[in-house]
């Protein structure tokens, strides 16, 4: 069975997204956080 690790962050640029993708992170969800007024991005990748 595949084990996953997760990361939640707010990305500020396309370059940041490309860097996360190069590190193996896959975007699985984007949720607007009304308390902090940001979009929280949820990523996953297979755990090592």
PDB file of N, CA and C in Angstrom:
ATOM      1  N   UNK A   1       0.840  -1.173   0.000  1.00  0.00           N
ATOM      2  CA  UNK A   1       0.000   0.000   0.000  1.00  0.00           C
ATOM      3  C   UNK A   1       0.892   1.246   0.000  1.00  0.00           C
ATOM      4  N   UNK A   2       0.517   2.224  -0.792  1.00  0.00           N
ATOM      5  CA  UNK A   2       1.279   3.469  -0.871  1.00  0.00           C
ATOM      6  C   UNK A   2       1.047   4.310   0.377  1.00  0.00           C
ATOM      7  N   UNK A   3       2.144   4.787   0.954  1.00  0.00           N
ATOM      8  CA  UNK A   3       2.063   5.728   2.075  1.00  0.00           C
ATOM      9  C   UNK A   3       2.326   7.120   1.510  1.00  0.00           C
ATOM     10  N   UNK A   4       1.636   8.109   2.056  1.00  0.00           N
ATOM     11  CA  UNK A   4       1.731   9.479   1.558  1.00  0.00           C
ATOM     12  C   UNK A   4       2.240  10.408   2.646  1.00  0.00           C
ATOM     13  N   UNK A   5       2.899  11.466   2.206  1.00  0.00           N
ATOM     14  CA  UNK A   5       3.189  12.581   3.105  1.00  0.00           C
ATOM     15  C   UNK A   5       2.470  13.787   2.519  1.00  0.00           C
ATOM     16  N   UNK A   6       2.107  14.710   3.381  1.00  0.00           N
ATOM     17  CA  UNK A   6       1.275  15.843   2.978  1.00  0.00           C
ATOM     18  C   UNK A   6       1.931  17.165   3.357  1.00  0.00           C
ATOM     19  N   UNK A   7       1.547  18.189   2.618  1.00  0.00           N
ATOM     20  CA  UNK A   7       2.059  19.534   2.879  1.00  0.00           C
ATOM     21  C   UNK A   7       0.932  20.520   2.600  1.00  0.00           C
ATOM     22  N   UNK A   8       0.795  21.499   3.472  1.00  0.00           N
ATOM     23  CA  UNK A   8      -0.190  22.566   3.285  1.00  0.00           C
ATOM     24  C   UNK A   8       0.569  23.880   3.290  1.00  0.00           C
ATOM     25  N   UNK A   9       0.346  24.702   2.273  1.00  0.00           N
ATOM     26  CA  UNK A   9       1.057  25.979   2.220  1.00  0.00           C
ATOM     27  C   UNK A   9       0.310  26.962   1.328  1.00  0.00           C
ATOM     28  N   UNK A  10       0.746  28.197   1.392  1.00  0.00           N
ATOM     29  CA  UNK A  10       0.258  29.244   0.498  1.00  0.00           C
ATOM     30  C   UNK A  10       1.413  29.567  -0.443  1.00  0.00           C
ATOM     31  N   UNK A  11       1.217  29.347  -1.722  1.00  0.00           N
ATOM     32  CA  UNK A  11       2.266  29.565  -2.715  1.00  0.00           C
ATOM     33  C   UNK A  11       2.081  30.950  -3.311  1.00  0.00           C
ATOM     34  N   UNK A  12       3.181  31.664  -3.458  1.00  0.00           N
ATOM     35  CA  UNK A  12       3.093  33.055  -3.906  1.00  0.00           C
ATOM     36  C   UNK A  12       3.359  33.252  -5.402  1.00  0.00           C
ATOM     37  N   UNK A  13       3.907  32.237  -6.069  1.00  0.00           N
ATOM     38  CA  UNK A  13       4.222  32.440  -7.480  1.00  0.00           C
ATOM     39  C   UNK A  13       4.195  31.121  -8.249  1.00  0.00           C
ATOM     40  N   UNK A  14       4.149  31.240  -9.554  1.00  0.00           N
ATOM     41  CA  UNK A  14       4.213  30.066 -10.426  1.00  0.00           C
ATOM     42  C   UNK A  14       5.542  29.343 -10.247  1.00  0.00           C
ATOM     43  N   UNK A  15       6.586  30.103 -10.007  1.00  0.00           N
ATOM     44  CA  UNK A  15       7.904  29.516  -9.763  1.00  0.00           C
ATOM     45  C   UNK A  15       7.882  28.613  -8.529  1.00  0.00           C
ATOM     46  N   UNK A  16       7.194  29.050  -7.470  1.00  0.00           N
ATOM     47  CA  UNK A  16       7.055  28.224  -6.263  1.00  0.00           C
ATOM     48  C   UNK A  16       6.331  26.915  -6.585  1.00  0.00           C
ATOM     49  N   UNK A  17       5.268  26.998  -7.399  1.00  0.00           N
ATOM     50  CA  UNK A  17       4.532  25.795  -7.783  1.00  0.00           C
ATOM     51  C   UNK A  17       5.418  24.848  -8.584  1.00  0.00           C
ATOM     52  N   UNK A  18       6.191  25.391  -9.505  1.00  0.00           N
ATOM     53  CA  UNK A  18       7.093  24.561 -10.306  1.00  0.00           C
ATOM     54  C   UNK A  18       8.137  23.881  -9.440  1.00  0.00           C
ATOM     55  N   UNK A  19       8.627  24.583  -8.440  1.00  0.00           N
ATOM     56  CA  UNK A  19       9.621  24.008  -7.534  1.00  0.00           C
ATOM     57  C   UNK A  19       9.020  22.851  -6.732  1.00  0.00           C
ATOM     58  N   UNK A  20       7.810  23.028  -6.239  1.00  0.00           N
ATOM     59  CA  UNK A  20       7.143  21.948  -5.507  1.00  0.00           C
ATOM     60  C   UNK A  20       6.910  20.741  -6.416  1.00  0.00           C
ATOM     61  N   UNK A  21       6.511  20.990  -7.645  1.00  0.00           N
ATOM     62  CA  UNK A  21       6.312  19.898  -8.602  1.00  0.00           C
ATOM     63  C   UNK A  21       7.604  19.151  -8.876  1.00  0.00           C
ATOM     64  N   UNK A  22       8.706  19.874  -8.995  1.00  0.00           N
ATOM     65  CA  UNK A  22      10.010  19.246  -9.225  1.00  0.00           C
ATOM     66  C   UNK A  22      10.431  18.389  -8.036  1.00  0.00           C
ATOM     67  N   UNK A  23       9.922  18.717  -6.849  1.00  0.00           N
ATOM     68  CA  UNK A  23      10.226  17.943  -5.644  1.00  0.00           C
ATOM     69  C   UNK A  23       9.273  16.759  -5.469  1.00  0.00           C
ATOM     70  N   UNK A  24       8.361  16.584  -6.425  1.00  0.00           N
ATOM     71  CA  UNK A  24       7.464  15.436  -6.386  1.00  0.00           C
ATOM     72  C   UNK A  24       6.107  15.685  -5.760  1.00  0.00           C
ATOM     73  N   UNK A  25       5.818  16.936  -5.378  1.00  0.00           N
ATOM     74  CA  UNK A  25       4.536  17.247  -4.752  1.00  0.00           C
ATOM     75  C   UNK A  25       3.452  17.373  -5.815  1.00  0.00           C
ATOM     76  N   UNK A  26       2.276  16.824  -5.525  1.00  0.00           N
ATOM     77  CA  UNK A  26       1.122  16.896  -6.412  1.00  0.00           C
ATOM     78  C   UNK A  26       0.012  17.670  -5.702  1.00  0.00           C
ATOM     79  N   UNK A  27      -0.514  18.691  -6.362  1.00  0.00           N
ATOM     80  CA  UNK A  27      -1.606  19.481  -5.785  1.00  0.00           C
ATOM     81  C   UNK A  27      -2.881  18.647  -5.784  1.00  0.00           C
ATOM     82  N   UNK A  28      -3.520  18.534  -4.617  1.00  0.00           N
ATOM     83  CA  UNK A  28      -4.752  17.749  -4.527  1.00  0.00           C
ATOM     84  C   UNK A  28      -5.967  18.606  -4.183  1.00  0.00           C
ATOM     85  N   UNK A  29      -5.748  19.795  -3.618  1.00  0.00           N
ATOM     86  CA  UNK A  29      -6.883  20.641  -3.268  1.00  0.00           C
ATOM     87  C   UNK A  29      -6.421  22.076  -3.016  1.00  0.00           C
ATOM     88  N   UNK A  30      -7.328  23.008  -3.245  1.00  0.00           N
ATOM     89  CA  UNK A  30      -7.088  24.416  -2.923  1.00  0.00           C
ATOM     90  C   UNK A  30      -8.328  24.920  -2.191  1.00  0.00           C
ATOM     91  N   UNK A  31      -8.120  25.498  -1.002  1.00  0.00           N
ATOM     92  CA  UNK A  31      -9.232  25.934  -0.159  1.00  0.00           C
ATOM     93  C   UNK A  31      -8.983  27.368   0.292  1.00  0.00           C
ATOM     94  N   UNK A  32      -9.986  28.208   0.124  1.00  0.00           N
ATOM     95  CA  UNK A  32      -9.872  29.594   0.579  1.00  0.00           C
ATOM     96  C   UNK A  32     -10.045  29.644   2.090  1.00  0.00           C
ATOM     97  N   UNK A  33      -9.059  30.177   2.782  1.00  0.00           N
ATOM     98  CA  UNK A  33      -9.083  30.321   4.245  1.00  0.00           C
ATOM     99  C   UNK A  33      -9.590  31.724   4.561  1.00  0.00           C
ATOM    100  N   UNK A  34     -10.845  31.825   4.975  1.00  0.00           N
ATOM    101  CA  UNK A  34     -11.452  33.135   5.219  1.00  0.00           C
ATOM    102  C   UNK A  34     -10.866  33.837   6.432  1.00  0.00           C
ATOM    103  N   UNK A  35     -10.340  33.085   7.395  1.00  0.00           N
ATOM    104  CA  UNK A  35      -9.739  33.706   8.577  1.00  0.00           C
ATOM    105  C   UNK A  35      -8.446  34.430   8.228  1.00  0.00           C
ATOM    106  N   UNK A  36      -7.617  33.799   7.410  1.00  0.00           N
ATOM    107  CA  UNK A  36      -6.315  34.386   7.061  1.00  0.00           C
ATOM    108  C   UNK A  36      -6.320  35.075   5.704  1.00  0.00           C
ATOM    109  N   UNK A  37      -7.444  34.979   4.968  1.00  0.00           N
ATOM    110  CA  UNK A  37      -7.586  35.615   3.654  1.00  0.00           C
ATOM    111  C   UNK A  37      -6.528  35.122   2.665  1.00  0.00           C
ATOM    112  N   UNK A  38      -6.287  33.817   2.650  1.00  0.00           N
ATOM    113  CA  UNK A  38      -5.346  33.212   1.705  1.00  0.00           C
ATOM    114  C   UNK A  38      -5.977  31.953   1.118  1.00  0.00           C
ATOM    115  N   UNK A  39      -5.370  31.450   0.063  1.00  0.00           N
ATOM    116  CA  UNK A  39      -5.753  30.155  -0.484  1.00  0.00           C
ATOM    117  C   UNK A  39      -4.742  29.138   0.032  1.00  0.00           C
ATOM    118  N   UNK A  40      -5.225  28.169   0.789  1.00  0.00           N
ATOM    119  CA  UNK A  40      -4.365  27.103   1.307  1.00  0.00           C
ATOM    120  C   UNK A  40      -4.313  26.000   0.259  1.00  0.00           C
ATOM    121  N   UNK A  41      -3.106  25.620  -0.133  1.00  0.00           N
ATOM    122  CA  UNK A  41      -2.914  24.574  -1.129  1.00  0.00           C
ATOM    123  C   UNK A  41      -2.472  23.299  -0.430  1.00  0.00           C
ATOM    124  N   UNK A  42      -3.120  22.195  -0.762  1.00  0.00           N
ATOM    125  CA  UNK A  42      -2.832  20.896  -0.155  1.00  0.00           C
ATOM    126  C   UNK A  42      -2.131  20.023  -1.190  1.00  0.00           C
ATOM    127  N   UNK A  43      -0.952  19.531  -0.816  1.00  0.00           N
ATOM    128  CA  UNK A  43      -0.142  18.702  -1.701  1.00  0.00           C
ATOM    129  C   UNK A  43       0.097  17.342  -1.070  1.00  0.00           C
ATOM    130  N   UNK A  44       0.383  16.345  -1.913  1.00  0.00           N
ATOM    131  CA  UNK A  44       0.787  15.034  -1.414  1.00  0.00           C
ATOM    132  C   UNK A  44       1.876  14.481  -2.322  1.00  0.00           C
ATOM    133  N   UNK A  45       2.660  13.538  -1.773  1.00  0.00           N
ATOM    134  CA  UNK A  45       3.633  12.790  -2.555  1.00  0.00           C
ATOM    135  C   UNK A  45       3.902  11.479  -1.816  1.00  0.00           C
ATOM    136  N   UNK A  46       4.354  10.471  -2.535  1.00  0.00           N
ATOM    137  CA  UNK A  46       4.658   9.208  -1.865  1.00  0.00           C
ATOM    138  C   UNK A  46       5.736   9.416  -0.803  1.00  0.00           C
ATOM    139  N   UNK A  47       5.522   8.813   0.368  1.00  0.00           N
ATOM    140  CA  UNK A  47       6.502   8.918   1.463  1.00  0.00           C
ATOM    141  C   UNK A  47       7.713   8.052   1.136  1.00  0.00           C
ATOM    142  N   UNK A  48       8.860   8.508   1.575  1.00  0.00           N
ATOM    143  CA  UNK A  48      10.097   7.745   1.345  1.00  0.00           C
ATOM    144  C   UNK A  48      10.500   6.986   2.578  1.00  0.00           C
TER     145      UNK A  48
END
